[in-house]
Each structure stands twice: as C-alpha cells, then as structure tokens.
Protein backbone atom coordinates (compact mmCIF):
# COMPACT_ATOMS: atom_id res chain seq x y z
CA UNK A 1 114.95 62.22 33.01
CA UNK A 2 113.65 64.25 30.13
CA UNK A 3 117.36 65.75 29.08
CA UNK A 4 118.31 61.72 29.11
CA UNK A 5 115.63 61.28 26.23
CA UNK A 6 116.79 64.46 24.81
CA UNK A 7 113.06 65.64 25.33
CA UNK A 8 111.28 69.05 26.54
CA UNK A 9 108.45 68.62 29.26
CA UNK A 10 105.06 70.07 29.71
CA UNK A 11 105.07 69.64 33.34
CA UNK A 12 101.60 70.18 34.90
CA UNK A 13 100.56 70.57 38.21
CA UNK A 14 97.18 69.31 39.80
CA UNK A 15 95.84 70.27 43.09
CA UNK A 16 94.34 66.45 43.92
CA UNK A 17 91.70 68.60 45.69
CA UNK A 18 90.68 69.84 42.38
CA UNK A 19 90.58 66.31 41.20
CA UNK A 20 88.01 65.90 43.98
CA UNK A 21 86.01 68.36 42.96
CA UNK A 22 86.19 68.90 39.08
CA UNK A 23 86.91 64.68 38.14
CA UNK A 24 89.66 63.22 36.52
CA UNK A 25 88.70 64.18 32.83
CA UNK A 26 88.64 67.39 32.63
CA UNK A 27 91.84 67.47 34.68
CA UNK A 28 94.31 64.55 33.11
CA UNK A 29 92.83 63.82 29.96
CA UNK A 30 95.70 65.13 28.01
CA UNK A 31 98.25 63.70 30.53
CA UNK A 32 100.59 61.12 28.91
CA UNK A 33 102.32 60.65 32.27
CA UNK A 34 101.22 60.57 35.79
CA UNK A 35 103.35 61.41 38.95
CA UNK A 36 101.68 61.15 42.73
CA UNK A 37 104.67 62.33 44.93
CA UNK A 38 105.03 61.50 48.46
CA UNK A 39 103.25 63.61 51.48
CA UNK A 40 101.09 62.91 54.84
CA UNK A 41 97.94 63.56 55.90
CA UNK A 42 94.62 63.43 55.04
CA UNK A 43 93.89 66.46 52.74
CA UNK A 44 93.59 65.77 49.05
CA UNK A 45 93.77 62.12 49.53
CA UNK A 46 91.14 60.99 47.81
CA UNK A 47 91.73 63.35 44.44
CA UNK A 48 94.93 61.10 44.54
CA UNK A 49 93.51 57.81 44.69
CA UNK A 50 91.29 59.21 41.88
CA UNK A 51 94.65 59.95 39.42
CA UNK A 52 95.87 56.00 40.32
CA UNK A 53 92.65 54.90 39.36
CA UNK A 54 92.28 57.47 36.15
CA UNK A 55 96.09 55.83 35.14
CA UNK A 56 95.17 52.59 35.66
CA UNK A 57 91.78 52.57 33.94
CA UNK A 58 93.54 54.35 31.11
CA UNK A 59 96.86 52.62 30.65
CA UNK A 60 98.84 55.82 31.19
CA UNK A 61 102.01 55.36 32.87
CA UNK A 62 101.79 56.05 36.56
CA UNK A 63 104.68 56.77 38.86
CA UNK A 64 104.14 56.89 42.38
CA UNK A 65 106.50 58.11 45.22
CA UNK A 66 105.92 56.79 48.93
CA UNK A 67 102.13 58.30 49.70
CA UNK A 68 101.72 57.46 45.36
CA UNK A 69 102.08 54.24 46.15
CA UNK A 70 100.17 53.87 48.99
CA UNK A 71 97.08 55.32 47.03
CA UNK A 72 97.97 52.98 44.21
CA UNK A 73 97.48 50.19 46.35
CA UNK A 74 93.96 52.03 47.72
CA UNK A 75 92.63 52.08 44.74
CA UNK A 76 93.52 48.53 43.63
CA UNK A 77 91.91 47.19 46.42
CA UNK A 78 89.08 49.23 46.17
CA UNK A 79 88.15 48.87 42.39
CA UNK A 80 89.66 45.47 41.84
CA UNK A 81 89.63 43.46 44.82
CA UNK A 82 85.79 44.94 45.62
CA UNK A 83 86.74 46.67 48.86
CA UNK A 84 85.10 49.59 48.84
CA UNK A 85 85.92 50.63 52.30
CA UNK A 86 89.72 49.79 52.15
CA UNK A 87 92.02 52.68 53.06
CA UNK A 88 95.57 53.72 54.93
CA UNK A 89 95.24 53.53 58.64
CA UNK A 90 96.68 56.97 58.83
CA UNK A 91 93.46 58.25 56.95
CA UNK A 92 91.03 56.24 58.20
CA UNK A 93 92.01 54.04 61.50
CA UNK A 94 88.36 52.08 61.53
CA UNK A 95 88.81 50.84 58.43
CA UNK A 96 87.74 47.43 57.82
CA UNK A 97 90.78 46.64 55.50
CA UNK A 98 93.92 48.71 56.10
CA UNK A 99 95.69 48.00 53.06
CA UNK A 100 98.54 50.39 54.40
CA UNK A 101 99.32 49.90 57.88
CA UNK A 102 101.70 51.05 60.33
CA UNK A 103 105.25 49.88 60.01
CA UNK A 104 105.78 47.01 62.02
CA UNK A 105 106.35 47.29 65.77
CA UNK A 106 105.05 50.90 65.52
CA UNK A 107 101.36 49.88 66.59
CA UNK A 108 102.13 49.82 70.44
CA UNK A 109 104.03 53.28 70.10
CA UNK A 110 102.02 56.09 71.56
CA UNK A 111 104.51 58.72 71.25
CA UNK A 112 105.61 58.36 67.45
CA UNK A 113 108.18 60.82 67.42
CA UNK A 114 111.32 59.92 66.11
CA UNK A 115 109.80 56.90 64.98
CA UNK A 116 109.70 57.08 61.18
CA UNK A 117 111.71 54.70 58.73
CA UNK A 118 114.46 57.18 57.71
CA UNK A 119 117.56 56.98 55.46
CA UNK A 120 119.17 54.71 52.85
CA UNK A 121 117.93 51.21 52.78
CA UNK A 122 118.46 48.04 50.53
CA UNK A 123 115.54 46.89 48.27
CA UNK A 124 115.71 43.28 46.60
CA UNK A 125 114.05 43.41 43.38
CA UNK A 126 112.42 40.64 41.34
CA UNK A 127 114.21 39.81 38.26
CA UNK A 128 112.13 40.62 34.80
CA UNK A 129 110.14 43.47 36.60
CA UNK A 130 109.87 47.45 35.34
CA UNK A 131 111.88 47.79 38.58
CA UNK A 132 114.65 45.21 37.98
CA UNK A 133 114.69 46.33 34.32
CA UNK A 134 115.20 50.05 34.80
CA UNK A 135 117.88 49.77 37.32
CA UNK A 136 119.68 46.71 35.77
CA UNK A 137 120.34 45.16 39.14
CA UNK A 138 118.88 42.76 41.67
CA UNK A 139 120.14 44.70 44.75
CA UNK A 140 119.11 48.58 45.34
CA UNK A 141 119.58 50.85 47.76
CA UNK A 142 117.40 53.99 48.08
CA UNK A 143 116.19 56.68 50.64
CA UNK A 144 113.19 56.28 53.02
CA UNK A 145 110.99 58.63 54.82
CA UNK A 146 108.04 57.23 55.96
CA UNK A 147 105.64 55.70 59.39
CA UNK A 148 103.36 53.69 57.28
CA UNK A 149 103.83 50.72 54.87
CA UNK A 150 102.18 47.97 52.24
CA UNK A 151 99.87 45.54 54.66
CA UNK A 152 101.15 42.03 54.06
CA UNK A 153 97.94 40.52 55.15
CA UNK A 154 96.84 41.64 51.84
CA UNK A 155 99.60 40.89 49.69
CA UNK A 156 98.40 37.18 48.35
CA UNK A 157 94.94 38.91 47.18
CA UNK A 158 96.83 41.68 45.51
CA UNK A 159 99.46 39.73 43.88
CA UNK A 160 96.43 37.05 42.49
CA UNK A 161 94.31 40.00 41.14
CA UNK A 162 97.81 41.69 39.39
CA UNK A 163 99.55 43.89 41.75
CA UNK A 164 103.06 42.52 42.03
CA UNK A 165 105.77 43.24 44.51
CA UNK A 166 108.20 43.74 42.61
CA UNK A 167 110.42 44.63 45.50
CA UNK A 168 111.26 43.68 49.25
CA UNK A 169 113.36 44.70 51.95
CA UNK A 170 116.06 41.85 52.10
CA UNK A 171 114.28 39.82 54.81
CA UNK A 172 111.30 40.24 52.80
CA UNK A 173 109.32 41.78 55.28
CA UNK A 174 108.45 45.33 53.88
CA UNK A 175 107.31 45.91 50.35
CA UNK A 176 109.39 48.35 48.88
CA UNK A 177 107.97 48.57 45.03
CA UNK A 178 104.67 47.56 43.51
CA UNK A 179 103.77 47.36 39.83
CA UNK A 180 100.76 46.28 38.31
CA UNK A 181 100.96 43.44 35.38
CA UNK A 182 99.67 44.08 31.86
CA UNK A 183 99.82 47.61 32.32
CA UNK A 184 101.83 49.29 29.93
CA UNK A 185 104.29 51.15 33.17
CA UNK A 186 102.60 51.42 36.44
CA UNK A 187 104.87 51.37 39.55
CA UNK A 188 105.12 52.66 43.10
CA UNK A 189 107.68 52.85 45.27
CA UNK A 190 107.93 53.30 49.31
CA UNK A 191 111.37 55.14 49.03
CA UNK A 192 112.14 58.73 47.58
CA UNK A 193 113.80 57.96 43.86
CA UNK A 194 114.06 61.97 43.85
CA UNK A 195 116.33 62.20 46.33
CA UNK A 196 119.04 60.22 44.44
CA UNK A 197 118.37 61.60 41.01
CA UNK A 198 120.38 64.30 39.22
CA UNK A 199 120.34 66.23 35.87
CA UNK A 200 122.80 64.24 33.86
CA UNK A 201 122.06 60.96 36.04
CA UNK A 202 118.80 60.67 36.47
CA UNK A 203 117.42 57.85 39.00
CA UNK A 204 116.33 54.86 36.67
CA UNK A 205 112.67 55.03 37.35
CA UNK A 206 112.43 58.52 36.44
CA UNK A 207 113.95 57.57 33.56
CA UNK A 208 112.08 54.62 32.52
CA UNK A 209 108.75 56.43 33.65
CA UNK A 210 109.58 59.23 30.95
CA UNK A 211 111.01 56.95 28.43
CA UNK A 212 107.07 55.41 28.63
CA UNK A 213 105.38 58.29 29.00
CA UNK A 214 107.20 60.13 25.67
CA UNK A 215 105.60 57.37 23.53
CA UNK A 216 101.78 57.78 24.67
CA UNK A 217 99.34 59.81 22.07
CA UNK A 218 96.56 61.31 24.14
CA UNK A 219 94.42 63.85 22.46
CA UNK A 220 95.42 67.02 23.62
CA UNK A 221 98.43 66.17 24.59
CA UNK A 222 101.43 68.52 23.45
CA UNK A 223 103.57 66.87 21.04
CA UNK A 224 106.58 65.88 22.43
CA UNK A 225 109.88 67.41 20.63
CA UNK A 226 113.58 67.28 20.90
CA UNK A 227 115.48 69.95 22.45
CA UNK A 228 115.98 72.69 20.41
CA UNK A 229 119.83 72.89 19.94
CA UNK A 230 121.63 76.15 21.40
CA UNK A 231 121.74 79.14 19.15
C-alpha cells in the first residue's frame, strides 16, 4: 500500500500488553494510523480495546482485522453505548452484553474442533461506505478465519449511535464490516484482507487506510516523504 502511494513507512510495533501498563498516549502519540490485527485468546485484549478507543477519540485512521473489528465494537459499546461491562463471549462468557458472540449454530456444539468459519466468502457492501468506495464494487469475496462474530442483537443500537454495519453476508445474517460515521477513517473487517494483498496490488482497505493516514499530521510523527529514486 505504501508503494502504491509512493511513500516510505515508519512501522512501529506495539505490544498490546504495554498499552495496558503504560497507557496509549505514551505509545501512540505519534501514530498517523493504527492497525489492530487478528488473533485469539485474552492476552493483551484490553490493550487492543484501548488502541481502538484512542483512534476513535483522536480521529486517527484505524483498520481492525478480524479481532481488530471485535475490539472496536467492544470499545464502542463500553464508551458510546454506555455498557461498561460489554465484552466478547470469548473473553468473558458471563458478560451481560456479549457484543461479540459465537457464530450462529455453534453455542450448542461442545467440541469446537473444525467448526471455524474458514475460507473465501462473499460480502455485500453498503453503497457510499468507506469499504464500498475502497473496493469500487458492491460484492466482494474475502478470506475468513474466525469463530466469533458481531452479535446482531446489538446492531440497531450500534447503528443508531453511529457505528454502521457497512458489509454483510449476502443473507444479511453476519456483519462483515463496521465503520464509524463522522470519523476520518475507522473501519473494521471480520475477514483478513492481508491474505489478498500483494506488493504491487494492495488490498483496497490497506490502500485507502494508508492513503488517509499519510495525510494525518501528529506531533512527533515522522515526516512522510516520497520514496527515494534508485541511485
């Protein structure tokens, strides 16, 4: 994506556990964009939620991949919807507000082996959304690897407060993409766009994320310079 925009990149890896201990301002103050990648397990989750909170509150471009979408939803539920105990059922099965829950039909399955949603699936994008503008089409196909999903019981409340479900499975049952209205660019996707990104053909979400992030000026950020021509 940086090659596409003819820009160099200063990539800063941040351990989400450090965000839990040291706070977001100390570690993310100079960030022009934040990506929260996919993953499993509870370790570092609250740090990821803090990263989503920081991006939302400070207007920093944010791209959430799989788990990155889920922590984005948890942040929104806690701080915008006023549900401080909101969580994913993966991390707190007893949460009264499971904004992220098991995929439909999996709650009664005791042996979860081989039950993940894997592979390439279609996704219908909402016209005019960041995602639709990025892809330039309404129907896309992306690869998945997950067991937990946005809980549709909360969808109306989310959308009423500004978190839009901008990508859905064709039957409308599964939320594939969420984005925050009024934010420069805060997008989370349940799929893995990194699987289809190539050096000279970046996935549209990465391309547009970098395109927005390169124009964000933050105190302490490295100047964004064009790539140097070969000597």
